[in-house]
Amino acid sequence: QVQLVESGGGLVQAGGSLRLSCAASGRPFSTYAMGWFRQAPGKEREFVAAVAWSGGYTIYADSVKGRFTISRDNAKNTVYLQMNSLKPEDTAVYYCNAAPRTGVAGNDWGQGTQVTVSS
């Protein structure tokens, strides 16, 4: 089992930037992929980005490609999501996830961090 704690959310104007962090503990961090998902009010949780255990392979949802960057620091047991050029439609609760494979959701989730983008 993996314990995950997100941080870095907040309120930002459209066009602004935020960086989310997710600290992991439990199983050795470098043995699993990591992903970010988000859930807006009234909508289902959706995939945002994922990174392989090595950090060398990443995938993104089309809606964030070119604006968001996922990365990980295995020495710090932390995964990041750098979000630039934010849009009001990016408003959601963002969750990190420990996954068996890149892009596949695993069973371990954080508590989420709220991101609100004002127009």
C-alpha atoms as a PDB file:
ATOM      1  CA  GLN A   1       0.000   0.000   0.000  1.00  0.00           C
ATOM      2  CA  VAL A   2       1.103   3.554  -0.746  1.00  0.00           C
ATOM      3  CA  GLN A   3       0.171   6.679   1.205  1.00  0.00           C
ATOM      4  CA  LEU A   4      -0.074   9.859  -0.877  1.00  0.00           C
ATOM      5  CA  VAL A   5      -0.377  13.492   0.214  1.00  0.00           C
ATOM      6  CA  GLU A   6      -0.986  16.249  -2.344  1.00  0.00           C
ATOM      7  CA  SER A   7      -0.211  19.932  -1.882  1.00  0.00           C
ATOM      8  CA  GLY A   8       0.131  23.109  -3.927  1.00  0.00           C
ATOM      9  CA  GLY A   9      -3.425  23.783  -4.993  1.00  0.00           C
ATOM     10  CA  GLY A  10      -5.035  27.196  -4.759  1.00  0.00           C
ATOM     11  CA  LEU A  11      -6.774  30.035  -6.546  1.00  0.00           C
ATOM     12  CA  VAL A  12      -5.134  31.494  -9.654  1.00  0.00           C
ATOM     13  CA  GLN A  13      -6.227  33.726 -12.514  1.00  0.00           C
ATOM     14  CA  ALA A  14      -6.556  32.388 -16.025  1.00  0.00           C
ATOM     15  CA  GLY A  15      -3.166  32.285 -17.698  1.00  0.00           C
ATOM     16  CA  GLY A  16      -1.390  31.729 -14.420  1.00  0.00           C
ATOM     17  CA  SER A  17       0.628  28.786 -13.118  1.00  0.00           C
ATOM     18  CA  LEU A  18       0.626  26.382 -10.200  1.00  0.00           C
ATOM     19  CA  ARG A  19       2.818  23.461  -9.227  1.00  0.00           C
ATOM     20  CA  LEU A  20       1.260  20.520  -7.444  1.00  0.00           C
ATOM     21  CA  SER A  21       3.301  18.104  -5.364  1.00  0.00           C
ATOM     22  CA  CYS A  22       2.486  14.616  -4.143  1.00  0.00           C
ATOM     23  CA  ALA A  23       4.601  12.986  -1.439  1.00  0.00           C
ATOM     24  CA  ALA A  24       4.516   9.208  -1.278  1.00  0.00           C
ATOM     25  CA  SER A  25       5.355   6.757   1.484  1.00  0.00           C
ATOM     26  CA  GLY A  26       5.003   3.032   1.967  1.00  0.00           C
ATOM     27  CA  ARG A  27       6.248   0.850  -0.874  1.00  0.00           C
ATOM     28  CA  PRO A  28       9.551   1.895  -2.512  1.00  0.00           C
ATOM     29  CA  PHE A  29       8.703   4.899  -4.690  1.00  0.00           C
ATOM     30  CA  SER A  30      10.740   3.868  -7.707  1.00  0.00           C
ATOM     31  CA  THR A  31       8.817   0.610  -8.134  1.00  0.00           C
ATOM     32  CA  TYR A  32       5.589   2.105  -9.476  1.00  0.00           C
ATOM     33  CA  ALA A  33       4.293   4.617 -11.979  1.00  0.00           C
ATOM     34  CA  MET A  34       2.521   7.779 -10.840  1.00  0.00           C
ATOM     35  CA  GLY A  35      -0.405   9.664 -12.257  1.00  0.00           C
ATOM     36  CA  TRP A  36      -2.492  12.766 -11.765  1.00  0.00           C
ATOM     37  CA  PHE A  37      -6.251  12.770 -12.186  1.00  0.00           C
ATOM     38  CA  ARG A  38      -8.843  15.473 -11.627  1.00  0.00           C
ATOM     39  CA  GLN A  39     -12.523  15.730 -10.868  1.00  0.00           C
ATOM     40  CA  ALA A  40     -14.633  18.800 -11.517  1.00  0.00           C
ATOM     41  CA  PRO A  41     -18.019  19.338  -9.815  1.00  0.00           C
ATOM     42  CA  GLY A  42     -20.669  17.132 -11.372  1.00  0.00           C
ATOM     43  CA  LYS A  43     -18.171  15.301 -13.562  1.00  0.00           C
ATOM     44  CA  GLU A  44     -16.352  11.991 -13.411  1.00  0.00           C
ATOM     45  CA  ARG A  45     -12.725  11.740 -12.412  1.00  0.00           C
ATOM     46  CA  GLU A  46     -10.497  12.025 -15.482  1.00  0.00           C
ATOM     47  CA  PHE A  47      -6.908  11.258 -16.344  1.00  0.00           C
ATOM     48  CA  VAL A  48      -4.506  14.206 -16.580  1.00  0.00           C
ATOM     49  CA  ALA A  49      -0.930  12.915 -16.807  1.00  0.00           C
ATOM     50  CA  ALA A  50       1.279   9.981 -15.865  1.00  0.00           C
ATOM     51  CA  VAL A  51       4.964   9.231 -15.519  1.00  0.00           C
ATOM     52  CA  ALA A  52       6.786   5.897 -15.542  1.00  0.00           C
ATOM     53  CA  TRP A  53       8.773   4.703 -12.525  1.00  0.00           C
ATOM     54  CA  SER A  54      12.028   5.936 -14.088  1.00  0.00           C
ATOM     55  CA  GLY A  55      10.656   9.340 -15.058  1.00  0.00           C
ATOM     56  CA  GLY A  56      11.702   8.719 -18.651  1.00  0.00           C
ATOM     57  CA  TYR A  57       8.245   8.203 -20.120  1.00  0.00           C
ATOM     58  CA  THR A  58       5.263  10.506 -19.738  1.00  0.00           C
ATOM     59  CA  ILE A  59       1.771  10.716 -21.193  1.00  0.00           C
ATOM     60  CA  TYR A  60      -0.845  13.473 -21.088  1.00  0.00           C
ATOM     61  CA  ALA A  61      -4.498  14.027 -21.732  1.00  0.00           C
ATOM     62  CA  ASP A  62      -5.058  16.020 -24.908  1.00  0.00           C
ATOM     63  CA  SER A  63      -6.694  18.804 -22.907  1.00  0.00           C
ATOM     64  CA  VAL A  64      -3.471  19.571 -21.004  1.00  0.00           C
ATOM     65  CA  LYS A  65      -0.800  18.632 -23.525  1.00  0.00           C
ATOM     66  CA  GLY A  66       1.683  21.467 -24.000  1.00  0.00           C
ATOM     67  CA  ARG A  67       0.539  23.248 -20.838  1.00  0.00           C
ATOM     68  CA  PHE A  68       1.154  20.726 -18.031  1.00  0.00           C
ATOM     69  CA  THR A  69       4.346  18.841 -17.204  1.00  0.00           C
ATOM     70  CA  ILE A  70       4.576  15.820 -14.917  1.00  0.00           C
ATOM     71  CA  SER A  71       7.861  14.882 -13.303  1.00  0.00           C
ATOM     72  CA  ARG A  72       9.140  12.865 -10.375  1.00  0.00           C
ATOM     73  CA  ASP A  73      12.062  12.922  -7.982  1.00  0.00           C
ATOM     74  CA  ASN A  74      12.675   9.395  -6.769  1.00  0.00           C
ATOM     75  CA  ALA A  75      15.186  10.607  -4.178  1.00  0.00           C
ATOM     76  CA  LYS A  76      12.425  12.717  -2.575  1.00  0.00           C
ATOM     77  CA  ASN A  77       9.554  10.245  -3.133  1.00  0.00           C
ATOM     78  CA  THR A  78       7.639  13.046  -4.807  1.00  0.00           C
ATOM     79  CA  VAL A  79       5.784  13.566  -8.068  1.00  0.00           C
ATOM     80  CA  TYR A  80       5.014  17.020  -9.441  1.00  0.00           C
ATOM     81  CA  LEU A  81       2.546  18.547 -11.842  1.00  0.00           C
ATOM     82  CA  GLN A  82       3.596  21.898 -13.271  1.00  0.00           C
ATOM     83  CA  MET A  83       0.519  23.618 -14.677  1.00  0.00           C
ATOM     84  CA  ASN A  84       0.978  26.638 -16.957  1.00  0.00           C
ATOM     85  CA  SER A  85      -1.472  28.700 -19.003  1.00  0.00           C
ATOM     86  CA  LEU A  86      -4.285  27.633 -16.722  1.00  0.00           C
ATOM     87  CA  LYS A  87      -7.866  27.914 -17.936  1.00  0.00           C
ATOM     88  CA  PRO A  88     -11.134  28.092 -15.988  1.00  0.00           C
ATOM     89  CA  GLU A  89     -11.955  24.594 -17.262  1.00  0.00           C
ATOM     90  CA  ASP A  90      -8.920  23.281 -15.369  1.00  0.00           C
ATOM     91  CA  THR A  91     -10.790  23.981 -12.124  1.00  0.00           C
ATOM     92  CA  ALA A  92     -11.099  20.688 -10.236  1.00  0.00           C
ATOM     93  CA  VAL A  93      -9.841  18.649  -7.323  1.00  0.00           C
ATOM     94  CA  TYR A  94      -6.550  17.090  -8.390  1.00  0.00           C
ATOM     95  CA  TYR A  95      -5.557  13.655  -7.120  1.00  0.00           C
ATOM     96  CA  CYS A  96      -2.323  11.758  -7.401  1.00  0.00           C
ATOM     97  CA  ASN A  97      -2.335   8.024  -7.875  1.00  0.00           C
ATOM     98  CA  ALA A  98       0.159   5.184  -7.555  1.00  0.00           C
ATOM     99  CA  ALA A  99      -0.218   2.913 -10.543  1.00  0.00           C
ATOM    100  CA  PRO A 100       0.979  -0.521 -11.670  1.00  0.00           C
ATOM    101  CA  ARG A 101       1.664   0.840 -15.179  1.00  0.00           C
ATOM    102  CA  THR A 102       1.927   4.275 -16.741  1.00  0.00           C
ATOM    103  CA  GLY A 103      -1.522   5.645 -17.511  1.00  0.00           C
ATOM    104  CA  VAL A 104      -3.418   2.948 -15.621  1.00  0.00           C
ATOM    105  CA  ALA A 105      -5.084   3.969 -12.348  1.00  0.00           C
ATOM    106  CA  GLY A 106      -4.050   2.014  -9.283  1.00  0.00           C
ATOM    107  CA  ASN A 107      -5.865   1.598  -5.982  1.00  0.00           C
ATOM    108  CA  ASP A 108      -3.882   4.133  -3.942  1.00  0.00           C
ATOM    109  CA  TRP A 109      -5.116   7.731  -4.016  1.00  0.00           C
ATOM    110  CA  GLY A 110      -4.306  10.933  -2.186  1.00  0.00           C
ATOM    111  CA  GLN A 111      -6.926  13.121  -0.521  1.00  0.00           C
ATOM    112  CA  GLY A 112      -6.871  15.655  -3.349  1.00  0.00           C
ATOM    113  CA  THR A 113      -5.998  19.322  -3.646  1.00  0.00           C
ATOM    114  CA  GLN A 114      -8.345  21.997  -4.986  1.00  0.00           C
ATOM    115  CA  VAL A 115      -7.322  24.057  -8.003  1.00  0.00           C
ATOM    116  CA  THR A 116      -9.548  26.987  -8.913  1.00  0.00           C
ATOM    117  CA  VAL A 117      -8.897  29.099 -11.992  1.00  0.00           C
ATOM    118  CA  SER A 118     -10.791  32.374 -12.229  1.00  0.00           C
ATOM    119  CA  SER A 119     -11.605  34.043 -15.534  1.00  0.00           C
END
